[in-house]
């Protein structure tokens, strides 16, 4: 659920993929988890390379680029 909260945060900002505004306190309160535990998960995701410089590393590979249409997305998928 913490990963889902990170994805939601990454999707809400103008520069999609950034999780700089993610709050371990808010996430912990929403999930009834101690903020320290949420922080541990965040740090572990950084260690695993899932998060780098407050950015979800694989964000652009699986998500639509803002302003693109279905044809552009399909073309990019075929090219990769």
PDB file of N, CA and C in Angstrom:
ATOM      1  N   UNK A   1       0.816  -1.200   0.000  1.00  0.00           N
ATOM      2  CA  UNK A   1       0.000   0.000   0.000  1.00  0.00           C
ATOM      3  C   UNK A   1       0.864   1.271   0.000  1.00  0.00           C
ATOM      4  N   UNK A   2       2.037   1.171   0.567  1.00  0.00           N
ATOM      5  CA  UNK A   2       2.943   2.321   0.552  1.00  0.00           C
ATOM      6  C   UNK A   2       3.363   2.622  -0.889  1.00  0.00           C
ATOM      7  N   UNK A   3       3.641   1.585  -1.668  1.00  0.00           N
ATOM      8  CA  UNK A   3       4.007   1.775  -3.071  1.00  0.00           C
ATOM      9  C   UNK A   3       2.860   2.422  -3.843  1.00  0.00           C
ATOM     10  N   UNK A   4       1.629   2.025  -3.541  1.00  0.00           N
ATOM     11  CA  UNK A   4       0.467   2.628  -4.195  1.00  0.00           C
ATOM     12  C   UNK A   4       0.388   4.107  -3.842  1.00  0.00           C
ATOM     13  N   UNK A   5       0.634   4.435  -2.587  1.00  0.00           N
ATOM     14  CA  UNK A   5       0.620   5.838  -2.168  1.00  0.00           C
ATOM     15  C   UNK A   5       1.704   6.628  -2.902  1.00  0.00           C
ATOM     16  N   UNK A   6       2.870   6.024  -3.095  1.00  0.00           N
ATOM     17  CA  UNK A   6       3.933   6.685  -3.860  1.00  0.00           C
ATOM     18  C   UNK A   6       3.515   6.906  -5.310  1.00  0.00           C
ATOM     19  N   UNK A   7       2.889   5.905  -5.906  1.00  0.00           N
ATOM     20  CA  UNK A   7       2.424   6.040  -7.292  1.00  0.00           C
ATOM     21  C   UNK A   7       1.380   7.139  -7.420  1.00  0.00           C
ATOM     22  N   UNK A   8       0.488   7.219  -6.454  1.00  0.00           N
ATOM     23  CA  UNK A   8      -0.525   8.275  -6.478  1.00  0.00           C
ATOM     24  C   UNK A   8       0.120   9.649  -6.375  1.00  0.00           C
ATOM     25  N   UNK A   9       1.120   9.763  -5.516  1.00  0.00           N
ATOM     26  CA  UNK A   9       1.837  11.033  -5.374  1.00  0.00           C
ATOM     27  C   UNK A   9       2.530  11.384  -6.685  1.00  0.00           C
ATOM     28  N   UNK A  10       3.175  10.418  -7.296  1.00  0.00           N
ATOM     29  CA  UNK A  10       3.906  10.640  -8.548  1.00  0.00           C
ATOM     30  C   UNK A  10       2.977  11.051  -9.679  1.00  0.00           C
ATOM     31  N   UNK A  11       1.749  10.619  -9.623  1.00  0.00           N
ATOM     32  CA  UNK A  11       0.793  10.916 -10.684  1.00  0.00           C
ATOM     33  C   UNK A  11       0.119  12.281 -10.507  1.00  0.00           C
ATOM     34  N   UNK A  12       0.146  12.821  -9.313  1.00  0.00           N
ATOM     35  CA  UNK A  12      -0.565  14.076  -9.031  1.00  0.00           C
ATOM     36  C   UNK A  12       0.234  15.329  -9.326  1.00  0.00           C
ATOM     37  N   UNK A  13       1.528  15.230  -9.477  1.00  0.00           N
ATOM     38  CA  UNK A  13       2.354  16.428  -9.649  1.00  0.00           C
ATOM     39  C   UNK A  13       2.523  16.779 -11.122  1.00  0.00           C
ATOM     40  N   UNK A  14       2.850  18.024 -11.390  1.00  0.00           N
ATOM     41  CA  UNK A  14       3.022  18.479 -12.777  1.00  0.00           C
ATOM     42  C   UNK A  14       4.151  17.723 -13.462  1.00  0.00           C
ATOM     43  N   UNK A  15       5.244  17.503 -12.760  1.00  0.00           N
ATOM     44  CA  UNK A  15       6.356  16.721 -13.307  1.00  0.00           C
ATOM     45  C   UNK A  15       6.145  15.270 -12.891  1.00  0.00           C
ATOM     46  N   UNK A  16       5.323  14.561 -13.651  1.00  0.00           N
ATOM     47  CA  UNK A  16       4.926  13.200 -13.290  1.00  0.00           C
ATOM     48  C   UNK A  16       6.140  12.333 -12.981  1.00  0.00           C
ATOM     49  N   UNK A  17       6.012  11.562 -11.931  1.00  0.00           N
ATOM     50  CA  UNK A  17       7.074  10.669 -11.501  1.00  0.00           C
ATOM     51  C   UNK A  17       7.792  11.149 -10.256  1.00  0.00           C
ATOM     52  N   UNK A  18       7.678  12.425  -9.947  1.00  0.00           N
ATOM     53  CA  UNK A  18       8.329  12.955  -8.745  1.00  0.00           C
ATOM     54  C   UNK A  18       7.532  12.589  -7.500  1.00  0.00           C
ATOM     55  N   UNK A  19       8.246  12.192  -6.466  1.00  0.00           N
ATOM     56  CA  UNK A  19       7.597  11.866  -5.197  1.00  0.00           C
ATOM     57  C   UNK A  19       8.120  12.752  -4.077  1.00  0.00           C
ATOM     58  N   UNK A  20       8.647  13.893  -4.452  1.00  0.00           N
ATOM     59  CA  UNK A  20       9.192  14.841  -3.477  1.00  0.00           C
ATOM     60  C   UNK A  20       8.142  15.254  -2.447  1.00  0.00           C
ATOM     61  N   UNK A  21       6.876  15.327  -2.858  1.00  0.00           N
ATOM     62  CA  UNK A  21       5.802  15.750  -1.959  1.00  0.00           C
ATOM     63  C   UNK A  21       5.220  14.611  -1.132  1.00  0.00           C
ATOM     64  N   UNK A  22       5.758  13.395  -1.280  1.00  0.00           N
ATOM     65  CA  UNK A  22       5.275  12.254  -0.506  1.00  0.00           C
ATOM     66  C   UNK A  22       5.530  12.502   0.973  1.00  0.00           C
ATOM     67  N   UNK A  23       4.514  12.293   1.795  1.00  0.00           N
ATOM     68  CA  UNK A  23       4.631  12.520   3.232  1.00  0.00           C
ATOM     69  C   UNK A  23       4.525  11.187   3.971  1.00  0.00           C
ATOM     70  N   UNK A  24       5.607  10.820   4.656  1.00  0.00           N
ATOM     71  CA  UNK A  24       5.564   9.575   5.433  1.00  0.00           C
ATOM     72  C   UNK A  24       4.553   9.692   6.569  1.00  0.00           C
ATOM     73  N   UNK A  25       4.355  10.893   7.085  1.00  0.00           N
ATOM     74  CA  UNK A  25       3.392  11.101   8.169  1.00  0.00           C
ATOM     75  C   UNK A  25       1.969  10.900   7.663  1.00  0.00           C
ATOM     76  N   UNK A  26       1.632  11.545   6.539  1.00  0.00           N
ATOM     77  CA  UNK A  26       0.292  11.393   5.971  1.00  0.00           C
ATOM     78  C   UNK A  26       0.025   9.959   5.537  1.00  0.00           C
ATOM     79  N   UNK A  27       1.019   9.345   4.903  1.00  0.00           N
ATOM     80  CA  UNK A  27       0.864   7.959   4.457  1.00  0.00           C
ATOM     81  C   UNK A  27       0.673   7.036   5.649  1.00  0.00           C
ATOM     82  N   UNK A  28       1.483   7.220   6.674  1.00  0.00           N
ATOM     83  CA  UNK A  28       1.356   6.399   7.873  1.00  0.00           C
ATOM     84  C   UNK A  28       0.000   6.543   8.529  1.00  0.00           C
ATOM     85  N   UNK A  29      -0.487   7.764   8.597  1.00  0.00           N
ATOM     86  CA  UNK A  29      -1.801   8.004   9.204  1.00  0.00           C
ATOM     87  C   UNK A  29      -2.909   7.355   8.379  1.00  0.00           C
ATOM     88  N   UNK A  30      -2.825   7.471   7.064  1.00  0.00           N
ATOM     89  CA  UNK A  30      -3.855   6.904   6.194  1.00  0.00           C
ATOM     90  C   UNK A  30      -3.877   5.377   6.254  1.00  0.00           C
ATOM     91  N   UNK A  31      -2.706   4.784   6.427  1.00  0.00           N
ATOM     92  CA  UNK A  31      -2.612   3.321   6.437  1.00  0.00           C
ATOM     93  C   UNK A  31      -2.525   2.727   7.834  1.00  0.00           C
ATOM     94  N   UNK A  32      -2.560   3.593   8.846  1.00  0.00           N
ATOM     95  CA  UNK A  32      -2.433   3.165  10.240  1.00  0.00           C
ATOM     96  C   UNK A  32      -1.115   2.414  10.472  1.00  0.00           C
ATOM     97  N   UNK A  33      -0.044   3.026   9.945  1.00  0.00           N
ATOM     98  CA  UNK A  33       1.309   2.495  10.086  1.00  0.00           C
ATOM     99  C   UNK A  33       2.168   3.603  10.687  1.00  0.00           C
ATOM    100  N   UNK A  34       3.092   3.233  11.532  1.00  0.00           N
ATOM    101  CA  UNK A  34       4.003   4.225  12.106  1.00  0.00           C
ATOM    102  C   UNK A  34       4.797   4.908  10.989  1.00  0.00           C
ATOM    103  N   UNK A  35       4.903   6.229  11.032  1.00  0.00           N
ATOM    104  CA  UNK A  35       5.672   6.943  10.000  1.00  0.00           C
ATOM    105  C   UNK A  35       7.103   6.425   9.847  1.00  0.00           C
ATOM    106  N   UNK A  36       7.712   5.975  10.947  1.00  0.00           N
ATOM    107  CA  UNK A  36       9.068   5.424  10.868  1.00  0.00           C
ATOM    108  C   UNK A  36       9.113   4.206   9.950  1.00  0.00           C
ATOM    109  N   UNK A  37       8.082   3.380   9.994  1.00  0.00           N
ATOM    110  CA  UNK A  37       8.012   2.191   9.139  1.00  0.00           C
ATOM    111  C   UNK A  37       7.850   2.595   7.675  1.00  0.00           C
ATOM    112  N   UNK A  38       7.025   3.614   7.430  1.00  0.00           N
ATOM    113  CA  UNK A  38       6.846   4.114   6.063  1.00  0.00           C
ATOM    114  C   UNK A  38       8.189   4.647   5.553  1.00  0.00           C
ATOM    115  N   UNK A  39       8.900   5.369   6.391  1.00  0.00           N
ATOM    116  CA  UNK A  39      10.224   5.886   6.032  1.00  0.00           C
ATOM    117  C   UNK A  39      11.214   4.767   5.724  1.00  0.00           C
ATOM    118  N   UNK A  40      11.138   3.671   6.473  1.00  0.00           N
ATOM    119  CA  UNK A  40      12.012   2.521   6.213  1.00  0.00           C
ATOM    120  C   UNK A  40      11.732   1.937   4.830  1.00  0.00           C
ATOM    121  N   UNK A  41      10.463   1.820   4.492  1.00  0.00           N
ATOM    122  CA  UNK A  41      10.090   1.292   3.173  1.00  0.00           C
ATOM    123  C   UNK A  41      10.590   2.234   2.078  1.00  0.00           C
ATOM    124  N   UNK A  42      10.420   3.522   2.264  1.00  0.00           N
ATOM    125  CA  UNK A  42      10.889   4.515   1.290  1.00  0.00           C
ATOM    126  C   UNK A  42      12.401   4.371   1.083  1.00  0.00           C
ATOM    127  N   UNK A  43      13.147   4.295   2.180  1.00  0.00           N
ATOM    128  CA  UNK A  43      14.603   4.154   2.077  1.00  0.00           C
ATOM    129  C   UNK A  43      14.995   2.845   1.395  1.00  0.00           C
ATOM    130  N   UNK A  44      14.260   1.776   1.673  1.00  0.00           N
ATOM    131  CA  UNK A  44      14.543   0.491   1.038  1.00  0.00           C
ATOM    132  C   UNK A  44      14.295   0.574  -0.473  1.00  0.00           C
ATOM    133  N   UNK A  45      13.239   1.263  -0.868  1.00  0.00           N
ATOM    134  CA  UNK A  45      12.965   1.447  -2.289  1.00  0.00           C
ATOM    135  C   UNK A  45      14.066   2.263  -2.963  1.00  0.00           C
ATOM    136  N   UNK A  46      14.649   3.205  -2.229  1.00  0.00           N
ATOM    137  CA  UNK A  46      15.795   3.956  -2.759  1.00  0.00           C
ATOM    138  C   UNK A  46      16.996   3.019  -2.924  1.00  0.00           C
ATOM    139  N   UNK A  47      17.248   2.188  -1.928  1.00  0.00           N
ATOM    140  CA  UNK A  47      18.361   1.240  -1.995  1.00  0.00           C
ATOM    141  C   UNK A  47      18.203   0.278  -3.166  1.00  0.00           C
ATOM    142  N   UNK A  48      16.978  -0.121  -3.443  1.00  0.00           N
ATOM    143  CA  UNK A  48      16.701  -1.055  -4.532  1.00  0.00           C
ATOM    144  C   UNK A  48      16.719  -0.388  -5.905  1.00  0.00           C
ATOM    145  N   UNK A  49      16.825   0.940  -5.917  1.00  0.00           N
ATOM    146  CA  UNK A  49      16.877   1.674  -7.170  1.00  0.00           C
ATOM    147  C   UNK A  49      15.514   2.011  -7.758  1.00  0.00           C
ATOM    148  N   UNK A  50      14.458   1.816  -6.974  1.00  0.00           N
ATOM    149  CA  UNK A  50      13.112   2.136  -7.438  1.00  0.00           C
ATOM    150  C   UNK A  50      12.875   3.640  -7.412  1.00  0.00           C
ATOM    151  N   UNK A  51      13.520   4.307  -6.438  1.00  0.00           N
ATOM    152  CA  UNK A  51      13.433   5.763  -6.288  1.00  0.00           C
ATOM    153  C   UNK A  51      14.850   6.319  -6.357  1.00  0.00           C
ATOM    154  N   UNK A  52      15.033   7.376  -7.171  1.00  0.00           N
ATOM    155  CA  UNK A  52      16.329   8.031  -7.271  1.00  0.00           C
ATOM    156  C   UNK A  52      16.099   9.534  -7.353  1.00  0.00           C
ATOM    157  N   UNK A  53      16.686  10.268  -6.420  1.00  0.00           N
ATOM    158  CA  UNK A  53      16.517  11.724  -6.374  1.00  0.00           C
ATOM    159  C   UNK A  53      15.045  12.129  -6.379  1.00  0.00           C
ATOM    160  N   UNK A  54      14.266  11.475  -5.550  1.00  0.00           N
ATOM    161  CA  UNK A  54      12.825  11.760  -5.404  1.00  0.00           C
ATOM    162  C   UNK A  54      12.043  11.516  -6.688  1.00  0.00           C
ATOM    163  N   UNK A  55      12.503  10.602  -7.516  1.00  0.00           N
ATOM    164  CA  UNK A  55      11.826  10.297  -8.776  1.00  0.00           C
ATOM    165  C   UNK A  55      11.669   8.782  -8.897  1.00  0.00           C
ATOM    166  N   UNK A  56      10.482   8.328  -9.308  1.00  0.00           N
ATOM    167  CA  UNK A  56      10.264   6.910  -9.551  1.00  0.00           C
ATOM    168  C   UNK A  56      10.963   6.559 -10.864  1.00  0.00           C
ATOM    169  N   UNK A  57      12.012   5.787 -10.770  1.00  0.00           N
ATOM    170  CA  UNK A  57      12.913   5.528 -11.885  1.00  0.00           C
ATOM    171  C   UNK A  57      12.199   4.958 -13.107  1.00  0.00           C
ATOM    172  N   UNK A  58      11.285   4.037 -12.924  1.00  0.00           N
ATOM    173  CA  UNK A  58      10.627   3.401 -14.070  1.00  0.00           C
ATOM    174  C   UNK A  58       9.321   4.087 -14.447  1.00  0.00           C
ATOM    175  N   UNK A  59       9.083   5.261 -13.935  1.00  0.00           N
ATOM    176  CA  UNK A  59       7.797   5.933 -14.167  1.00  0.00           C
ATOM    177  C   UNK A  59       7.467   6.075 -15.646  1.00  0.00           C
ATOM    178  N   UNK A  60       8.380   6.601 -16.442  1.00  0.00           N
ATOM    179  CA  UNK A  60       8.078   6.885 -17.841  1.00  0.00           C
ATOM    180  C   UNK A  60       7.970   5.632 -18.694  1.00  0.00           C
ATOM    181  N   UNK A  61       8.569   4.519 -18.274  1.00  0.00           N
ATOM    182  CA  UNK A  61       8.512   3.320 -19.115  1.00  0.00           C
ATOM    183  C   UNK A  61       7.127   2.695 -19.142  1.00  0.00           C
ATOM    184  N   UNK A  62       6.346   2.880 -18.091  1.00  0.00           N
ATOM    185  CA  UNK A  62       5.047   2.240 -18.060  1.00  0.00           C
ATOM    186  C   UNK A  62       3.870   3.182 -18.055  1.00  0.00           C
ATOM    187  N   UNK A  63       4.122   4.454 -18.094  1.00  0.00           N
ATOM    188  CA  UNK A  63       3.041   5.428 -18.004  1.00  0.00           C
ATOM    189  C   UNK A  63       2.998   6.316 -19.224  1.00  0.00           C
ATOM    190  N   UNK A  64       1.831   6.730 -19.517  1.00  0.00           N
ATOM    191  CA  UNK A  64       1.591   7.570 -20.669  1.00  0.00           C
ATOM    192  C   UNK A  64       2.226   8.936 -20.447  1.00  0.00           C
ATOM    193  N   UNK A  65       2.816   9.456 -21.475  1.00  0.00           N
ATOM    194  CA  UNK A  65       3.367  10.803 -21.435  1.00  0.00           C
ATOM    195  C   UNK A  65       2.222  11.785 -21.536  1.00  0.00           C
ATOM    196  N   UNK A  66       2.204  12.764 -20.692  1.00  0.00           N
ATOM    197  CA  UNK A  66       1.112  13.742 -20.719  1.00  0.00           C
ATOM    198  C   UNK A  66       1.061  14.435 -22.062  1.00  0.00           C
ATOM    199  N   UNK A  67      -0.153  14.583 -22.577  1.00  0.00           N
ATOM    200  CA  UNK A  67      -0.341  15.257 -23.833  1.00  0.00           C
ATOM    201  C   UNK A  67      -0.227  14.348 -25.050  1.00  0.00           C
ATOM    202  N   UNK A  68       0.123  13.086 -24.848  1.00  0.00           N
ATOM    203  CA  UNK A  68       0.230  12.191 -25.992  1.00  0.00           C
ATOM    204  C   UNK A  68      -1.100  11.493 -26.226  1.00  0.00           C
ATOM    205  N   UNK A  69      -1.264  10.997 -27.422  1.00  0.00           N
ATOM    206  CA  UNK A  69      -2.489  10.269 -27.711  1.00  0.00           C
ATOM    207  C   UNK A  69      -2.183   8.781 -27.836  1.00  0.00           C
ATOM    208  N   UNK A  70      -3.222   7.973 -28.042  1.00  0.00           N
ATOM    209  CA  UNK A  70      -3.074   6.524 -28.073  1.00  0.00           C
ATOM    210  C   UNK A  70      -2.134   6.069 -29.181  1.00  0.00           C
ATOM    211  N   UNK A  71      -2.201   6.702 -30.346  1.00  0.00           N
ATOM    212  CA  UNK A  71      -1.338   6.307 -31.463  1.00  0.00           C
ATOM    213  C   UNK A  71       0.133   6.526 -31.124  1.00  0.00           C
ATOM    214  N   UNK A  72       0.444   7.650 -30.493  1.00  0.00           N
ATOM    215  CA  UNK A  72       1.825   7.923 -30.087  1.00  0.00           C
ATOM    216  C   UNK A  72       2.304   6.900 -29.069  1.00  0.00           C
ATOM    217  N   UNK A  73       1.461   6.578 -28.115  1.00  0.00           N
ATOM    218  CA  UNK A  73       1.839   5.586 -27.097  1.00  0.00           C
ATOM    219  C   UNK A  73       2.101   4.226 -27.741  1.00  0.00           C
ATOM    220  N   UNK A  74       1.251   3.818 -28.660  1.00  0.00           N
ATOM    221  CA  UNK A  74       1.424   2.528 -29.325  1.00  0.00           C
ATOM    222  C   UNK A  74       2.713   2.507 -30.153  1.00  0.00           C
ATOM    223  N   UNK A  75       2.999   3.591 -30.861  1.00  0.00           N
ATOM    224  CA  UNK A  75       4.225   3.674 -31.651  1.00  0.00           C
ATOM    225  C   UNK A  75       5.449   3.543 -30.761  1.00  0.00           C
ATOM    226  N   UNK A  76       5.459   4.255 -29.627  1.00  0.00           N
ATOM    227  CA  UNK A  76       6.603   4.182 -28.700  1.00  0.00           C
ATOM    228  C   UNK A  76       6.753   2.780 -28.139  1.00  0.00           C
ATOM    229  N   UNK A  77       5.648   2.123 -27.841  1.00  0.00           N
ATOM    230  CA  UNK A  77       5.700   0.764 -27.300  1.00  0.00           C
ATOM    231  C   UNK A  77       6.325  -0.186 -28.325  1.00  0.00           C
ATOM    232  N   UNK A  78       5.955  -0.055 -29.582  1.00  0.00           N
ATOM    233  CA  UNK A  78       6.485  -0.914 -30.633  1.00  0.00           C
ATOM    234  C   UNK A  78       7.982  -0.662 -30.870  1.00  0.00           C
ATOM    235  N   UNK A  79       8.400   0.595 -30.714  1.00  0.00           N
ATOM    236  CA  UNK A  79       9.801   0.935 -30.940  1.00  0.00           C
ATOM    237  C   UNK A  79      10.710   0.443 -29.824  1.00  0.00           C
ATOM    238  N   UNK A  80      10.169   0.208 -28.655  1.00  0.00           N
ATOM    239  CA  UNK A  80      11.028  -0.197 -27.534  1.00  0.00           C
ATOM    240  C   UNK A  80      11.225  -1.673 -27.449  1.00  0.00           C
TER     241      UNK A  80
END
